Amino acid sequence: MALTNVLLLSQIAGYVIGLILSLCIITPMSMHLNEFNDHCLLFSRGRWQEDGQLLVSWAPRSYCDYVLVIGVLMFIVCCVQIYRLSMFMYKGLDSSFLSAFMEAVGCVLLCGLAVSAAVMVTLGFMTWCQNIVERFPSCENAAGLNIDKKDNISTNGFYIEIGTAQFGVWAAFATWVGLAVFSTLKVCRYHQLENIQVSMYRERQRLVNDSGSPAAPGRSSPPADLM
């Protein structure tokens, strides 16, 4: 029971952290799309003109939308799991083997989605910053400057916003790896308990069969004429 409580508490703590990190993805990415007039800077390239303006060839918005969807999915899953596991903790119960197995599979899937979103944000941001450093010492120096009047974008917070989303998605990936480990440990614990129960049942059946069997060899029955 102590191990069950530790795993449940660890899972609840992990889902709470995952919930916070999902907000670190959703909020800055939404702000970025709003400030960039629904343009996504991830993987966007541009060419500097003589007047100091950046002629941008915008990448599809689907890159940012994908990261947003992953963040929303994490938020929903974390909310459901926090409520579900809290009820288990309150009632002194635990999930079934099938439920624990499905939870482990879900955590592994979200690990894959999180790392794909993290790589997308990192590489996409690097592509954008490669354009910026052609004119500025660093990507951060372009924040707040009107470098693209044609598309009517606001660059006031793009560096902090994408940087926060990048941190959030990588940290979320690490969190989901931990949650996958906890879920796998719970599945292994259920499997171990099942093996113990099967072994105990077989031993009980063996003892029952031995108690109902004839006298063991080496011990002769008393002669019939002495009865």
C-alpha atoms as a PDB file:
ATOM      1  CA  MET A   1       0.000   0.000   0.000  1.00  0.00           C
ATOM      2  CA  ALA A   2       2.893   2.340   0.749  1.00  0.00           C
ATOM      3  CA  LEU A   3       4.312   1.819  -2.734  1.00  0.00           C
ATOM      4  CA  THR A   4       0.895   2.502  -4.237  1.00  0.00           C
ATOM      5  CA  ASN A   5       0.613   5.800  -2.350  1.00  0.00           C
ATOM      6  CA  VAL A   6       4.099   6.863  -3.435  1.00  0.00           C
ATOM      7  CA  LEU A   7       3.339   6.117  -7.083  1.00  0.00           C
ATOM      8  CA  LEU A   8      -0.008   7.905  -6.915  1.00  0.00           C
ATOM      9  CA  LEU A   9       1.529  10.981  -5.274  1.00  0.00           C
ATOM     10  CA  SER A  10       4.362  10.997  -7.815  1.00  0.00           C
ATOM     11  CA  GLN A  11       1.907  10.757 -10.687  1.00  0.00           C
ATOM     12  CA  ILE A  12      -0.303  13.534  -9.321  1.00  0.00           C
ATOM     13  CA  ALA A  13       2.744  15.779  -8.844  1.00  0.00           C
ATOM     14  CA  GLY A  14       3.911  14.977 -12.376  1.00  0.00           C
ATOM     15  CA  TYR A  15       0.524  15.821 -13.882  1.00  0.00           C
ATOM     16  CA  VAL A  16       0.390  19.104 -11.943  1.00  0.00           C
ATOM     17  CA  ILE A  17       3.805  20.030 -13.353  1.00  0.00           C
ATOM     18  CA  GLY A  18       2.639  18.954 -16.801  1.00  0.00           C
ATOM     19  CA  LEU A  19      -0.447  21.174 -16.443  1.00  0.00           C
ATOM     20  CA  ILE A  20       1.686  24.211 -15.605  1.00  0.00           C
ATOM     21  CA  LEU A  21       4.081  23.505 -18.476  1.00  0.00           C
ATOM     22  CA  SER A  22       1.206  23.119 -20.933  1.00  0.00           C
ATOM     23  CA  LEU A  23       0.188  26.687 -20.081  1.00  0.00           C
ATOM     24  CA  CYS A  24       3.786  27.733 -20.781  1.00  0.00           C
ATOM     25  CA  ILE A  25       3.219  26.410 -24.301  1.00  0.00           C
ATOM     26  CA  ILE A  26      -0.340  27.558 -24.980  1.00  0.00           C
ATOM     27  CA  THR A  27      -0.100  31.133 -23.667  1.00  0.00           C
ATOM     28  CA  PRO A  28       3.070  32.361 -25.431  1.00  0.00           C
ATOM     29  CA  MET A  29       2.245  30.634 -28.717  1.00  0.00           C
ATOM     30  CA  SER A  30      -1.227  32.219 -28.743  1.00  0.00           C
ATOM     31  CA  MET A  31       0.283  35.638 -27.978  1.00  0.00           C
ATOM     32  CA  HIS A  32       2.840  35.174 -30.752  1.00  0.00           C
ATOM     33  CA  LEU A  33       0.205  34.367 -33.382  1.00  0.00           C
ATOM     34  CA  ASN A  34      -1.825  37.375 -32.293  1.00  0.00           C
ATOM     35  CA  GLU A  35       1.133  39.771 -32.418  1.00  0.00           C
ATOM     36  CA  PHE A  36       2.388  38.404 -35.739  1.00  0.00           C
ATOM     37  CA  ASN A  37      -1.021  38.859 -37.364  1.00  0.00           C
ATOM     38  CA  ASP A  38      -1.620  35.077 -37.588  1.00  0.00           C
ATOM     39  CA  HIS A  39       1.795  34.493 -39.146  1.00  0.00           C
ATOM     40  CA  CYS A  40       4.088  31.847 -37.659  1.00  0.00           C
ATOM     41  CA  LEU A  41       7.789  32.635 -37.467  1.00  0.00           C
ATOM     42  CA  LEU A  42       8.805  28.980 -37.136  1.00  0.00           C
ATOM     43  CA  PHE A  43      10.805  28.035 -40.244  1.00  0.00           C
ATOM     44  CA  SER A  44       9.995  31.396 -41.853  1.00  0.00           C
ATOM     45  CA  ARG A  45      12.747  32.919 -43.993  1.00  0.00           C
ATOM     46  CA  GLY A  46      13.289  36.419 -45.245  1.00  0.00           C
ATOM     47  CA  ARG A  47      15.515  38.779 -47.202  1.00  0.00           C
ATOM     48  CA  TRP A  48      16.666  42.146 -45.898  1.00  0.00           C
ATOM     49  CA  GLN A  49      15.962  45.131 -48.109  1.00  0.00           C
ATOM     50  CA  GLU A  50      17.995  48.321 -48.329  1.00  0.00           C
ATOM     51  CA  ASP A  51      15.468  50.279 -46.265  1.00  0.00           C
ATOM     52  CA  GLY A  52      15.959  47.928 -43.296  1.00  0.00           C
ATOM     53  CA  GLN A  53      12.768  45.995 -43.829  1.00  0.00           C
ATOM     54  CA  LEU A  54      12.600  42.211 -43.851  1.00  0.00           C
ATOM     55  CA  LEU A  55      10.769  40.716 -46.792  1.00  0.00           C
ATOM     56  CA  VAL A  56       9.454  37.543 -45.161  1.00  0.00           C
ATOM     57  CA  SER A  57       8.448  34.344 -46.895  1.00  0.00           C
ATOM     58  CA  TRP A  58       6.167  33.009 -44.190  1.00  0.00           C
ATOM     59  CA  ALA A  59       6.096  29.318 -43.381  1.00  0.00           C
ATOM     60  CA  PRO A  60       2.711  27.613 -42.950  1.00  0.00           C
ATOM     61  CA  ARG A  61       0.898  28.495 -39.755  1.00  0.00           C
ATOM     62  CA  SER A  62       0.400  24.765 -39.168  1.00  0.00           C
ATOM     63  CA  TYR A  63       3.781  24.621 -37.416  1.00  0.00           C
ATOM     64  CA  CYS A  64       2.544  26.892 -34.639  1.00  0.00           C
ATOM     65  CA  ASP A  65      -0.886  25.276 -34.670  1.00  0.00           C
ATOM     66  CA  TYR A  66       0.684  21.853 -34.134  1.00  0.00           C
ATOM     67  CA  VAL A  67       2.559  23.075 -31.059  1.00  0.00           C
ATOM     68  CA  LEU A  68      -0.630  24.700 -29.774  1.00  0.00           C
ATOM     69  CA  VAL A  69      -2.655  21.512 -30.259  1.00  0.00           C
ATOM     70  CA  ILE A  70      -0.045  19.481 -28.372  1.00  0.00           C
ATOM     71  CA  GLY A  71      -0.171  22.000 -25.531  1.00  0.00           C
ATOM     72  CA  VAL A  72      -3.971  21.878 -25.376  1.00  0.00           C
ATOM     73  CA  LEU A  73      -3.925  18.070 -25.464  1.00  0.00           C
ATOM     74  CA  MET A  74      -1.464  17.987 -22.570  1.00  0.00           C
ATOM     75  CA  PHE A  75      -3.626  20.437 -20.623  1.00  0.00           C
ATOM     76  CA  ILE A  76      -6.754  18.307 -21.036  1.00  0.00           C
ATOM     77  CA  VAL A  77      -5.014  15.033 -20.190  1.00  0.00           C
ATOM     78  CA  CYS A  78      -3.373  16.534 -17.111  1.00  0.00           C
ATOM     79  CA  CYS A  79      -6.693  17.940 -15.831  1.00  0.00           C
ATOM     80  CA  VAL A  80      -8.447  14.588 -16.287  1.00  0.00           C
ATOM     81  CA  GLN A  81      -5.631  12.607 -14.684  1.00  0.00           C
ATOM     82  CA  ILE A  82      -5.266  14.954 -11.714  1.00  0.00           C
ATOM     83  CA  TYR A  83      -8.976  14.619 -10.926  1.00  0.00           C
ATOM     84  CA  ARG A  84      -8.983  10.850 -11.528  1.00  0.00           C
ATOM     85  CA  LEU A  85      -5.915  10.067  -9.425  1.00  0.00           C
ATOM     86  CA  SER A  86      -7.009  12.444  -6.678  1.00  0.00           C
ATOM     87  CA  MET A  87     -10.267  10.506  -6.398  1.00  0.00           C
ATOM     88  CA  PHE A  88      -8.294   7.265  -6.146  1.00  0.00           C
ATOM     89  CA  MET A  89      -6.156   8.770  -3.415  1.00  0.00           C
ATOM     90  CA  TYR A  90      -9.191  10.106  -1.544  1.00  0.00           C
ATOM     91  CA  LYS A  91     -11.047   6.788  -1.680  1.00  0.00           C
ATOM     92  CA  GLY A  92      -7.969   4.684  -0.953  1.00  0.00           C
ATOM     93  CA  LEU A  93      -8.287   2.838  -4.273  1.00  0.00           C
ATOM     94  CA  ASP A  94      -6.053   2.301  -7.268  1.00  0.00           C
ATOM     95  CA  SER A  95      -6.525   1.836 -10.981  1.00  0.00           C
ATOM     96  CA  SER A  96      -6.932  -1.567 -12.583  1.00  0.00           C
ATOM     97  CA  PHE A  97      -4.244  -3.340 -14.589  1.00  0.00           C
ATOM     98  CA  LEU A  98      -5.908  -2.407 -17.896  1.00  0.00           C
ATOM     99  CA  SER A  99      -6.254   1.216 -16.839  1.00  0.00           C
ATOM    100  CA  ALA A 100      -2.606   1.387 -15.759  1.00  0.00           C
ATOM    101  CA  PHE A 101      -1.507  -0.200 -19.027  1.00  0.00           C
ATOM    102  CA  MET A 102      -3.529   2.287 -21.105  1.00  0.00           C
ATOM    103  CA  GLU A 103      -2.118   5.123 -19.036  1.00  0.00           C
ATOM    104  CA  ALA A 104       1.436   3.925 -19.716  1.00  0.00           C
ATOM    105  CA  VAL A 105       0.745   3.714 -23.456  1.00  0.00           C
ATOM    106  CA  GLY A 106      -0.780   7.209 -23.418  1.00  0.00           C
ATOM    107  CA  CYS A 107       2.242   8.655 -21.623  1.00  0.00           C
ATOM    108  CA  VAL A 108       4.599   7.110 -24.169  1.00  0.00           C
ATOM    109  CA  LEU A 109       2.539   8.558 -27.025  1.00  0.00           C
ATOM    110  CA  LEU A 110       2.571  12.006 -25.437  1.00  0.00           C
ATOM    111  CA  CYS A 111       6.339  11.705 -25.008  1.00  0.00           C
ATOM    112  CA  GLY A 112       6.619  11.255 -28.758  1.00  0.00           C
ATOM    113  CA  LEU A 113       4.292  14.165 -29.498  1.00  0.00           C
ATOM    114  CA  ALA A 114       6.119  16.406 -27.017  1.00  0.00           C
ATOM    115  CA  VAL A 115       9.579  15.716 -28.423  1.00  0.00           C
ATOM    116  CA  SER A 116       8.349  16.286 -31.989  1.00  0.00           C
ATOM    117  CA  ALA A 117       6.877  19.656 -30.949  1.00  0.00           C
ATOM    118  CA  ALA A 118      10.062  20.536 -29.051  1.00  0.00           C
ATOM    119  CA  VAL A 119      12.272  19.800 -32.057  1.00  0.00           C
ATOM    120  CA  MET A 120       9.906  21.777 -34.280  1.00  0.00           C
ATOM    121  CA  VAL A 121      10.031  24.866 -32.040  1.00  0.00           C
ATOM    122  CA  THR A 122      13.808  24.682 -31.629  1.00  0.00           C
ATOM    123  CA  LEU A 123      14.672  24.228 -35.305  1.00  0.00           C
ATOM    124  CA  GLY A 124      11.984  26.637 -36.467  1.00  0.00           C
ATOM    125  CA  PHE A 125      13.186  29.360 -34.103  1.00  0.00           C
ATOM    126  CA  MET A 126      16.783  28.807 -35.216  1.00  0.00           C
ATOM    127  CA  THR A 127      15.717  29.267 -38.842  1.00  0.00           C
ATOM    128  CA  TRP A 128      14.053  32.599 -38.048  1.00  0.00           C
ATOM    129  CA  CYS A 129      16.991  33.822 -35.966  1.00  0.00           C
ATOM    130  CA  GLN A 130      19.392  33.053 -38.807  1.00  0.00           C
ATOM    131  CA  ASN A 131      17.611  35.795 -40.772  1.00  0.00           C
ATOM    132  CA  ILE A 132      17.733  38.218 -37.865  1.00  0.00           C
ATOM    133  CA  VAL A 133      21.458  37.854 -37.112  1.00  0.00           C
ATOM    134  CA  GLU A 134      22.256  38.859 -40.686  1.00  0.00           C
ATOM    135  CA  ARG A 135      21.485  42.424 -39.589  1.00  0.00           C
ATOM    136  CA  PHE A 136      21.586  42.375 -35.780  1.00  0.00           C
ATOM    137  CA  PRO A 137      24.182  41.024 -33.319  1.00  0.00           C
ATOM    138  CA  SER A 138      21.653  38.624 -31.824  1.00  0.00           C
ATOM    139  CA  CYS A 139      18.080  37.528 -32.375  1.00  0.00           C
ATOM    140  CA  GLU A 140      16.967  39.260 -29.192  1.00  0.00           C
ATOM    141  CA  ASN A 141      18.027  42.682 -30.500  1.00  0.00           C
ATOM    142  CA  ALA A 142      15.243  42.647 -33.102  1.00  0.00           C
ATOM    143  CA  ALA A 143      12.518  42.456 -30.441  1.00  0.00           C
ATOM    144  CA  GLY A 144      10.414  45.599 -30.432  1.00  0.00           C
ATOM    145  CA  LEU A 145      11.708  46.878 -33.779  1.00  0.00           C
ATOM    146  CA  ASN A 146       9.458  47.476 -36.776  1.00  0.00           C
ATOM    147  CA  ILE A 147      11.248  45.196 -39.210  1.00  0.00           C
ATOM    148  CA  ASP A 148       8.215  44.225 -41.293  1.00  0.00           C
ATOM    149  CA  LYS A 149       5.759  47.037 -41.962  1.00  0.00           C
ATOM    150  CA  LYS A 150       4.219  45.209 -44.916  1.00  0.00           C
ATOM    151  CA  ASP A 151       2.783  42.375 -42.805  1.00  0.00           C
ATOM    152  CA  ASN A 152       1.902  44.652 -39.871  1.00  0.00           C
ATOM    153  CA  ILE A 153       3.507  42.441 -37.227  1.00  0.00           C
ATOM    154  CA  SER A 154       4.554  43.377 -33.704  1.00  0.00           C
ATOM    155  CA  THR A 155       7.939  42.036 -32.637  1.00  0.00           C
ATOM    156  CA  ASN A 156       7.757  43.326 -29.065  1.00  0.00           C
ATOM    157  CA  GLY A 157       7.774  39.953 -27.340  1.00  0.00           C
ATOM    158  CA  PHE A 158       8.563  37.325 -29.955  1.00  0.00           C
ATOM    159  CA  TYR A 159      11.905  36.352 -28.394  1.00  0.00           C
ATOM    160  CA  ILE A 160      10.489  35.844 -24.893  1.00  0.00           C
ATOM    161  CA  GLU A 161       7.327  34.177 -26.195  1.00  0.00           C
ATOM    162  CA  ILE A 162       9.032  31.602 -28.402  1.00  0.00           C
ATOM    163  CA  GLY A 163      11.762  31.116 -25.812  1.00  0.00           C
ATOM    164  CA  THR A 164       9.148  30.399 -23.142  1.00  0.00           C
ATOM    165  CA  ALA A 165       7.320  27.986 -25.439  1.00  0.00           C
ATOM    166  CA  GLN A 166      10.615  26.255 -26.218  1.00  0.00           C
ATOM    167  CA  PHE A 167      11.388  25.836 -22.524  1.00  0.00           C
ATOM    168  CA  GLY A 168       7.851  24.667 -21.802  1.00  0.00           C
ATOM    169  CA  VAL A 169       7.753  22.018 -24.500  1.00  0.00           C
ATOM    170  CA  TRP A 170      11.178  20.551 -23.640  1.00  0.00           C
ATOM    171  CA  ALA A 171      10.353  20.534 -19.932  1.00  0.00           C
ATOM    172  CA  ALA A 172       6.997  18.942 -20.733  1.00  0.00           C
ATOM    173  CA  PHE A 173       8.792  16.211 -22.664  1.00  0.00           C
ATOM    174  CA  ALA A 174      10.970  15.467 -19.623  1.00  0.00           C
ATOM    175  CA  THR A 175       7.872  15.444 -17.409  1.00  0.00           C
ATOM    176  CA  TRP A 176       6.036  12.990 -19.655  1.00  0.00           C
ATOM    177  CA  VAL A 177       9.085  10.728 -19.664  1.00  0.00           C
ATOM    178  CA  GLY A 178       8.872  10.667 -15.878  1.00  0.00           C
ATOM    179  CA  LEU A 179       5.136   9.974 -15.985  1.00  0.00           C
ATOM    180  CA  ALA A 180       5.731   7.134 -18.443  1.00  0.00           C
ATOM    181  CA  VAL A 181       8.243   5.638 -16.009  1.00  0.00           C
ATOM    182  CA  PHE A 182       5.765   5.875 -13.109  1.00  0.00           C
ATOM    183  CA  SER A 183       3.024   4.268 -15.195  1.00  0.00           C
ATOM    184  CA  THR A 184       5.347   1.486 -16.301  1.00  0.00           C
ATOM    185  CA  LEU A 185       6.346   0.826 -12.691  1.00  0.00           C
ATOM    186  CA  LYS A 186       2.684   0.510 -11.785  1.00  0.00           C
ATOM    187  CA  VAL A 187       2.098  -1.976 -14.620  1.00  0.00           C
ATOM    188  CA  CYS A 188       5.141  -3.989 -13.496  1.00  0.00           C
ATOM    189  CA  ARG A 189       3.819  -3.974  -9.941  1.00  0.00           C
ATOM    190  CA  TYR A 190       0.455  -5.318 -11.104  1.00  0.00           C
ATOM    191  CA  HIS A 191       2.233  -7.997 -13.125  1.00  0.00           C
ATOM    192  CA  GLN A 192       4.309  -8.974 -10.103  1.00  0.00           C
ATOM    193  CA  LEU A 193       1.229  -9.204  -7.890  1.00  0.00           C
ATOM    194  CA  GLU A 194      -0.505 -11.349 -10.486  1.00  0.00           C
ATOM    195  CA  ASN A 195       2.460 -13.725 -10.595  1.00  0.00           C
ATOM    196  CA  ILE A 196       2.437 -13.960  -6.809  1.00  0.00           C
ATOM    197  CA  GLN A 197      -1.280 -14.745  -6.780  1.00  0.00           C
ATOM    198  CA  VAL A 198      -0.860 -17.430  -9.441  1.00  0.00           C
ATOM    199  CA  SER A 199       2.027 -18.991  -7.503  1.00  0.00           C
ATOM    200  CA  MET A 200       0.009 -18.978  -4.281  1.00  0.00           C
ATOM    201  CA  TYR A 201      -2.951 -20.592  -6.034  1.00  0.00           C
ATOM    202  CA  ARG A 202      -0.771 -23.323  -7.496  1.00  0.00           C
ATOM    203  CA  GLU A 203       0.849 -23.995  -4.113  1.00  0.00           C
ATOM    204  CA  ARG A 204      -2.559 -24.158  -2.441  1.00  0.00           C
ATOM    205  CA  GLN A 205      -3.772 -26.613  -5.068  1.00  0.00           C
ATOM    206  CA  ARG A 206      -0.675 -28.749  -4.576  1.00  0.00           C
ATOM    207  CA  LEU A 207      -1.218 -28.860  -0.822  1.00  0.00           C
ATOM    208  CA  VAL A 208      -4.873 -29.788  -1.284  1.00  0.00           C
ATOM    209  CA  ASN A 209      -3.941 -32.581  -3.700  1.00  0.00           C
ATOM    210  CA  ASP A 210      -1.233 -33.888  -1.359  1.00  0.00           C
ATOM    211  CA  SER A 211      -3.589 -33.976   1.611  1.00  0.00           C
ATOM    212  CA  GLY A 212      -6.133 -36.033  -0.339  1.00  0.00           C
ATOM    213  CA  SER A 213      -3.628 -38.510  -1.846  1.00  0.00           C
ATOM    214  CA  PRO A 214      -2.948 -42.115  -0.471  1.00  0.00           C
ATOM    215  CA  ALA A 215      -0.220 -42.718   2.050  1.00  0.00           C
ATOM    216  CA  ALA A 216       3.193 -41.798   0.795  1.00  0.00           C
ATOM    217  CA  PRO A 217       5.544 -44.613  -0.398  1.00  0.00           C
ATOM    218  CA  GLY A 218       7.718 -46.185   2.285  1.00  0.00           C
ATOM    219  CA  ARG A 219       4.921 -46.311   4.864  1.00  0.00           C
ATOM    220  CA  SER A 220       3.039 -49.589   4.557  1.00  0.00           C
ATOM    221  CA  SER A 221      -0.605 -49.901   5.582  1.00  0.00           C
ATOM    222  CA  PRO A 222      -1.414 -52.178   8.560  1.00  0.00           C
ATOM    223  CA  PRO A 223      -2.096 -55.881   7.638  1.00  0.00           C
ATOM    224  CA  ALA A 224      -5.713 -56.745   7.008  1.00  0.00           C
ATOM    225  CA  ASP A 225      -5.685 -59.609   9.513  1.00  0.00           C
ATOM    226  CA  LEU A 226      -4.744 -57.248  12.343  1.00  0.00           C
ATOM    227  CA  MET A 227      -7.678 -55.059  11.702  1.00  0.00           C
END
